[in-house]
Amino acid sequence: MTHGSALFTRGQTQTIATCTLGGLEATQKIDTLDGQNKKRFYLQYNFPPSCVGETGRTGAPGRREVGHGMLAEKALRPAMPGGADGWDYVVRLESLVTESHGSSSMASVCGGSLALMD
């Protein structure tokens, strides 16, 4: 269930951001060398080849998606109550870049902020 959404456009860069709330069972689990970490707020960044007029495979996220997603998530984390770990919900933001001719990660931050306010 979507709880907020936004279409952000600046110049020729456009992103669609959607925000969903979930219970603690929706926590993102990350396996590390030190065990398992859990995140209650995470941003999923999608940059399909079609957003730059190319064709190509889509599937598991590549380094670009992971890096830009972490950058945008780091920028949005201060806007979350208690740093996103101080309340009983999980927030998942998804940013789908539909057109890119500029900073798509910054467009994800702007679209994510608008989706959180919706």
N, C-alpha and C. Protein backbone atom coordinates (compact mmCIF):
# COMPACT_ATOMS: atom_id res chain seq x y z
N MET A 1 0.84 -1.17 0.00
CA MET A 1 0.00 0.00 0.00
C MET A 1 0.89 1.23 0.00
N THR A 2 0.64 2.14 -0.92
CA THR A 2 1.41 3.37 -1.01
C THR A 2 0.84 4.41 -0.07
N HIS A 3 1.71 5.07 0.66
CA HIS A 3 1.26 6.09 1.61
C HIS A 3 1.63 7.49 1.15
N GLY A 4 2.49 7.60 0.16
CA GLY A 4 2.85 8.89 -0.37
C GLY A 4 3.56 8.70 -1.70
N SER A 5 3.37 9.65 -2.60
CA SER A 5 4.04 9.56 -3.89
C SER A 5 4.30 10.96 -4.42
N ALA A 6 5.26 11.05 -5.31
CA ALA A 6 5.59 12.34 -5.91
C ALA A 6 6.27 12.12 -7.24
N LEU A 7 6.01 13.02 -8.15
CA LEU A 7 6.71 13.08 -9.43
C LEU A 7 7.57 14.34 -9.39
N PHE A 8 8.88 14.17 -9.43
CA PHE A 8 9.78 15.32 -9.35
C PHE A 8 10.47 15.49 -10.68
N THR A 9 10.41 16.71 -11.22
CA THR A 9 11.06 17.02 -12.49
C THR A 9 11.88 18.28 -12.33
N ARG A 10 13.10 18.23 -12.79
CA ARG A 10 13.95 19.42 -12.85
C ARG A 10 14.74 19.33 -14.15
N GLY A 11 14.45 20.25 -15.06
CA GLY A 11 15.09 20.19 -16.36
C GLY A 11 14.67 18.93 -17.09
N GLN A 12 15.66 18.15 -17.50
CA GLN A 12 15.38 16.90 -18.20
C GLN A 12 15.59 15.67 -17.32
N THR A 13 15.59 15.88 -16.02
CA THR A 13 15.71 14.77 -15.07
C THR A 13 14.39 14.60 -14.34
N GLN A 14 13.90 13.38 -14.29
CA GLN A 14 12.59 13.12 -13.68
C GLN A 14 12.65 11.82 -12.89
N THR A 15 12.01 11.83 -11.74
CA THR A 15 11.93 10.63 -10.91
C THR A 15 10.54 10.51 -10.31
N ILE A 16 10.10 9.28 -10.15
CA ILE A 16 8.84 8.98 -9.46
C ILE A 16 9.21 8.34 -8.14
N ALA A 17 8.77 8.96 -7.04
CA ALA A 17 9.08 8.44 -5.71
C ALA A 17 7.80 7.97 -5.03
N THR A 18 7.86 6.80 -4.43
CA THR A 18 6.73 6.28 -3.66
C THR A 18 7.22 5.89 -2.27
N CYS A 19 6.38 6.14 -1.29
CA CYS A 19 6.70 5.86 0.10
C CYS A 19 5.67 4.86 0.65
N THR A 20 6.15 3.81 1.28
CA THR A 20 5.25 2.85 1.92
C THR A 20 5.67 2.67 3.37
N LEU A 21 4.68 2.47 4.21
CA LEU A 21 4.92 2.17 5.62
C LEU A 21 4.61 0.70 5.85
N GLY A 22 5.37 0.09 6.72
CA GLY A 22 5.14 -1.30 7.04
C GLY A 22 5.42 -1.57 8.50
N GLY A 23 5.07 -2.76 8.91
CA GLY A 23 5.36 -3.19 10.27
C GLY A 23 6.81 -3.63 10.39
N LEU A 24 7.21 -3.99 11.59
CA LEU A 24 8.60 -4.36 11.83
C LEU A 24 9.04 -5.61 11.08
N GLU A 25 8.08 -6.42 10.61
CA GLU A 25 8.44 -7.60 9.84
C GLU A 25 8.98 -7.23 8.46
N ALA A 26 8.77 -5.98 8.03
CA ALA A 26 9.27 -5.51 6.73
C ALA A 26 10.66 -4.91 6.82
N THR A 27 11.32 -5.05 7.96
CA THR A 27 12.67 -4.52 8.16
C THR A 27 13.62 -5.13 7.13
N GLN A 28 14.48 -4.30 6.55
CA GLN A 28 15.46 -4.81 5.60
C GLN A 28 16.60 -5.46 6.38
N LYS A 29 16.89 -6.70 6.06
CA LYS A 29 17.94 -7.45 6.74
C LYS A 29 19.17 -7.49 5.85
N ILE A 30 20.32 -7.14 6.42
CA ILE A 30 21.57 -7.09 5.67
C ILE A 30 22.59 -7.97 6.36
N ASP A 31 23.11 -8.96 5.64
CA ASP A 31 24.15 -9.84 6.19
C ASP A 31 25.50 -9.16 6.05
N THR A 32 26.24 -9.10 7.16
CA THR A 32 27.58 -8.52 7.16
C THR A 32 28.55 -9.50 7.80
N LEU A 33 29.80 -9.13 7.84
CA LEU A 33 30.79 -9.98 8.50
C LEU A 33 30.56 -10.05 10.00
N ASP A 34 29.92 -9.02 10.55
CA ASP A 34 29.66 -8.96 11.99
C ASP A 34 28.33 -9.58 12.39
N GLY A 35 27.61 -10.14 11.45
CA GLY A 35 26.29 -10.70 11.75
C GLY A 35 25.25 -10.09 10.84
N GLN A 36 24.10 -9.83 11.39
CA GLN A 36 23.01 -9.29 10.58
C GLN A 36 22.60 -7.92 11.10
N ASN A 37 22.54 -6.95 10.19
CA ASN A 37 22.03 -5.62 10.51
C ASN A 37 20.61 -5.48 10.01
N LYS A 38 19.85 -4.61 10.64
CA LYS A 38 18.47 -4.37 10.22
C LYS A 38 18.25 -2.88 10.04
N LYS A 39 17.54 -2.52 8.98
CA LYS A 39 17.26 -1.12 8.70
C LYS A 39 15.75 -0.91 8.63
N ARG A 40 15.28 0.13 9.32
CA ARG A 40 13.85 0.46 9.30
C ARG A 40 13.52 1.51 8.25
N PHE A 41 14.53 2.19 7.73
CA PHE A 41 14.33 3.15 6.65
C PHE A 41 15.32 2.82 5.54
N TYR A 42 14.80 2.60 4.35
CA TYR A 42 15.70 2.35 3.24
C TYR A 42 15.10 2.88 1.95
N LEU A 43 16.00 3.26 1.05
CA LEU A 43 15.62 3.80 -0.23
C LEU A 43 16.06 2.84 -1.32
N GLN A 44 15.13 2.49 -2.17
CA GLN A 44 15.44 1.63 -3.31
C GLN A 44 15.50 2.51 -4.55
N TYR A 45 16.66 2.60 -5.16
CA TYR A 45 16.93 3.48 -6.29
C TYR A 45 16.97 2.65 -7.56
N ASN A 46 16.13 2.99 -8.53
CA ASN A 46 16.09 2.25 -9.79
C ASN A 46 16.47 3.18 -10.94
N PHE A 47 17.46 2.79 -11.72
CA PHE A 47 17.96 3.57 -12.85
C PHE A 47 17.96 2.66 -14.07
N PRO A 48 16.79 2.50 -14.72
CA PRO A 48 16.74 1.60 -15.88
C PRO A 48 17.45 2.23 -17.08
N PRO A 49 17.95 1.41 -17.99
CA PRO A 49 18.64 1.95 -19.17
C PRO A 49 17.74 2.87 -20.02
N SER A 50 16.46 2.65 -19.97
CA SER A 50 15.54 3.45 -20.79
C SER A 50 15.52 4.92 -20.38
N CYS A 51 15.93 5.25 -19.17
CA CYS A 51 15.88 6.64 -18.72
C CYS A 51 16.94 7.51 -19.38
N VAL A 52 17.91 6.88 -20.04
CA VAL A 52 18.91 7.63 -20.80
C VAL A 52 18.84 7.26 -22.29
N GLY A 53 17.70 6.69 -22.70
CA GLY A 53 17.47 6.37 -24.11
C GLY A 53 18.22 5.16 -24.61
N GLU A 54 18.58 4.25 -23.71
CA GLU A 54 19.32 3.06 -24.11
C GLU A 54 18.48 1.81 -23.88
N THR A 55 18.93 0.72 -24.42
CA THR A 55 18.32 -0.57 -24.12
C THR A 55 19.36 -1.38 -23.37
N GLY A 56 18.91 -2.32 -22.61
CA GLY A 56 19.85 -3.14 -21.84
C GLY A 56 19.10 -3.99 -20.84
N ARG A 57 19.85 -4.73 -20.09
CA ARG A 57 19.24 -5.63 -19.13
C ARG A 57 18.79 -4.88 -17.88
N THR A 58 17.77 -5.38 -17.29
CA THR A 58 17.35 -4.92 -15.97
C THR A 58 17.32 -6.14 -15.08
N GLY A 59 17.55 -5.95 -13.84
CA GLY A 59 17.60 -7.09 -12.92
C GLY A 59 18.13 -6.65 -11.59
N ALA A 60 19.10 -7.39 -11.10
CA ALA A 60 19.69 -7.06 -9.80
C ALA A 60 20.36 -5.69 -9.89
N PRO A 61 20.30 -4.91 -8.82
CA PRO A 61 20.90 -3.57 -8.86
C PRO A 61 22.41 -3.64 -9.03
N GLY A 62 22.93 -2.71 -9.82
CA GLY A 62 24.38 -2.63 -10.04
C GLY A 62 25.01 -1.66 -9.05
N ARG A 63 26.29 -1.38 -9.26
CA ARG A 63 27.01 -0.48 -8.36
C ARG A 63 26.41 0.92 -8.37
N ARG A 64 25.97 1.38 -9.54
CA ARG A 64 25.38 2.71 -9.63
C ARG A 64 24.13 2.82 -8.77
N GLU A 65 23.24 1.85 -8.89
CA GLU A 65 22.00 1.88 -8.12
C GLU A 65 22.28 1.81 -6.62
N VAL A 66 23.19 0.96 -6.22
CA VAL A 66 23.51 0.82 -4.79
C VAL A 66 24.14 2.10 -4.27
N GLY A 67 25.12 2.64 -4.98
CA GLY A 67 25.81 3.84 -4.53
C GLY A 67 24.92 5.07 -4.49
N HIS A 68 24.16 5.30 -5.55
CA HIS A 68 23.26 6.45 -5.58
C HIS A 68 22.13 6.30 -4.56
N GLY A 69 21.66 5.07 -4.38
CA GLY A 69 20.63 4.84 -3.37
C GLY A 69 21.12 5.13 -1.97
N MET A 70 22.35 4.71 -1.67
CA MET A 70 22.91 4.98 -0.34
C MET A 70 23.14 6.47 -0.13
N LEU A 71 23.56 7.17 -1.19
CA LEU A 71 23.77 8.60 -1.10
C LEU A 71 22.46 9.34 -0.82
N ALA A 72 21.41 8.98 -1.55
CA ALA A 72 20.11 9.62 -1.34
C ALA A 72 19.53 9.26 0.03
N GLU A 73 19.70 8.01 0.44
CA GLU A 73 19.21 7.58 1.75
C GLU A 73 19.90 8.34 2.87
N LYS A 74 21.20 8.55 2.73
CA LYS A 74 21.96 9.29 3.73
C LYS A 74 21.46 10.73 3.84
N ALA A 75 21.07 11.32 2.72
CA ALA A 75 20.56 12.70 2.72
C ALA A 75 19.18 12.78 3.35
N LEU A 76 18.36 11.74 3.21
CA LEU A 76 16.98 11.76 3.72
C LEU A 76 16.87 11.29 5.17
N ARG A 77 17.85 10.56 5.67
CA ARG A 77 17.78 10.00 7.03
C ARG A 77 17.51 11.06 8.11
N PRO A 78 18.13 12.26 8.07
CA PRO A 78 17.84 13.26 9.11
C PRO A 78 16.39 13.74 9.13
N ALA A 79 15.67 13.55 8.04
CA ALA A 79 14.26 13.98 8.00
C ALA A 79 13.33 12.99 8.68
N MET A 80 13.85 11.81 9.02
CA MET A 80 13.03 10.78 9.63
C MET A 80 12.96 10.97 11.14
N PRO A 81 11.81 10.66 11.75
CA PRO A 81 11.70 10.81 13.21
C PRO A 81 12.63 9.85 13.94
N GLY A 82 13.44 10.38 14.81
CA GLY A 82 14.36 9.55 15.59
C GLY A 82 15.40 8.86 14.73
N GLY A 83 15.72 9.45 13.57
CA GLY A 83 16.69 8.81 12.69
C GLY A 83 16.15 7.53 12.08
N ALA A 84 14.85 7.37 12.03
CA ALA A 84 14.13 6.23 11.45
C ALA A 84 14.14 5.01 12.35
N ASP A 85 14.90 5.00 13.42
CA ASP A 85 14.92 3.85 14.30
C ASP A 85 14.17 4.12 15.60
N GLY A 86 13.63 5.32 15.74
CA GLY A 86 12.97 5.69 16.98
C GLY A 86 11.46 5.50 16.99
N TRP A 87 10.93 4.78 16.01
CA TRP A 87 9.49 4.54 16.01
C TRP A 87 9.19 3.15 15.49
N ASP A 88 7.95 2.73 15.55
CA ASP A 88 7.59 1.34 15.31
C ASP A 88 7.14 1.04 13.88
N TYR A 89 7.67 1.74 12.90
CA TYR A 89 7.32 1.49 11.51
C TYR A 89 8.58 1.32 10.68
N VAL A 90 8.39 0.69 9.55
CA VAL A 90 9.45 0.60 8.55
C VAL A 90 9.01 1.47 7.38
N VAL A 91 9.91 2.31 6.91
CA VAL A 91 9.62 3.20 5.78
C VAL A 91 10.48 2.76 4.60
N ARG A 92 9.82 2.46 3.50
CA ARG A 92 10.51 2.09 2.27
C ARG A 92 10.20 3.15 1.22
N LEU A 93 11.23 3.80 0.73
CA LEU A 93 11.10 4.77 -0.34
C LEU A 93 11.63 4.13 -1.62
N GLU A 94 10.87 4.23 -2.68
CA GLU A 94 11.35 3.75 -3.97
C GLU A 94 11.44 4.92 -4.91
N SER A 95 12.57 5.06 -5.56
CA SER A 95 12.78 6.13 -6.52
C SER A 95 13.06 5.51 -7.88
N LEU A 96 12.19 5.76 -8.83
CA LEU A 96 12.34 5.25 -10.19
C LEU A 96 12.70 6.42 -11.08
N VAL A 97 13.89 6.41 -11.62
CA VAL A 97 14.33 7.47 -12.53
C VAL A 97 13.73 7.18 -13.90
N THR A 98 12.91 8.11 -14.39
CA THR A 98 12.26 7.91 -15.68
C THR A 98 12.97 8.65 -16.81
N GLU A 99 13.75 9.67 -16.46
CA GLU A 99 14.53 10.40 -17.44
C GLU A 99 15.72 11.02 -16.72
N SER A 100 16.89 10.92 -17.32
CA SER A 100 18.07 11.44 -16.63
C SER A 100 18.95 12.25 -17.56
N HIS A 101 19.16 13.48 -17.18
CA HIS A 101 20.11 14.36 -17.85
C HIS A 101 20.65 15.31 -16.80
N GLY A 102 21.16 14.74 -15.73
CA GLY A 102 21.62 15.53 -14.59
C GLY A 102 21.75 14.64 -13.38
N SER A 103 21.63 15.23 -12.21
CA SER A 103 21.82 14.50 -10.97
C SER A 103 20.55 13.73 -10.58
N SER A 104 20.53 12.47 -10.94
CA SER A 104 19.36 11.66 -10.64
C SER A 104 19.29 11.31 -9.15
N SER A 105 20.43 11.25 -8.47
CA SER A 105 20.39 10.96 -7.03
C SER A 105 19.82 12.15 -6.27
N MET A 106 20.13 13.37 -6.69
CA MET A 106 19.54 14.55 -6.04
C MET A 106 18.05 14.64 -6.35
N ALA A 107 17.65 14.25 -7.56
CA ALA A 107 16.23 14.20 -7.89
C ALA A 107 15.52 13.17 -7.01
N SER A 108 16.21 12.08 -6.67
CA SER A 108 15.64 11.08 -5.78
C SER A 108 15.44 11.63 -4.37
N VAL A 109 16.38 12.46 -3.92
CA VAL A 109 16.24 13.10 -2.61
C VAL A 109 15.04 14.04 -2.61
N CYS A 110 14.93 14.86 -3.65
CA CYS A 110 13.81 15.81 -3.72
C CYS A 110 12.48 15.08 -3.84
N GLY A 111 12.40 14.08 -4.73
CA GLY A 111 11.17 13.31 -4.87
C GLY A 111 10.83 12.54 -3.61
N GLY A 112 11.85 11.98 -2.95
CA GLY A 112 11.64 11.26 -1.70
C GLY A 112 11.12 12.17 -0.61
N SER A 113 11.65 13.38 -0.53
CA SER A 113 11.16 14.35 0.47
C SER A 113 9.69 14.68 0.23
N LEU A 114 9.32 14.87 -1.03
CA LEU A 114 7.93 15.18 -1.35
C LEU A 114 7.02 13.99 -1.06
N ALA A 115 7.48 12.79 -1.35
CA ALA A 115 6.68 11.59 -1.07
C ALA A 115 6.48 11.39 0.42
N LEU A 116 7.50 11.70 1.22
CA LEU A 116 7.37 11.58 2.67
C LEU A 116 6.37 12.59 3.22
N MET A 117 6.23 13.74 2.57
CA MET A 117 5.29 14.77 3.03
C MET A 117 3.88 14.53 2.56
N ASP A 118 3.70 13.66 1.57
CA ASP A 118 2.37 13.43 0.99
C ASP A 118 1.47 12.68 1.95
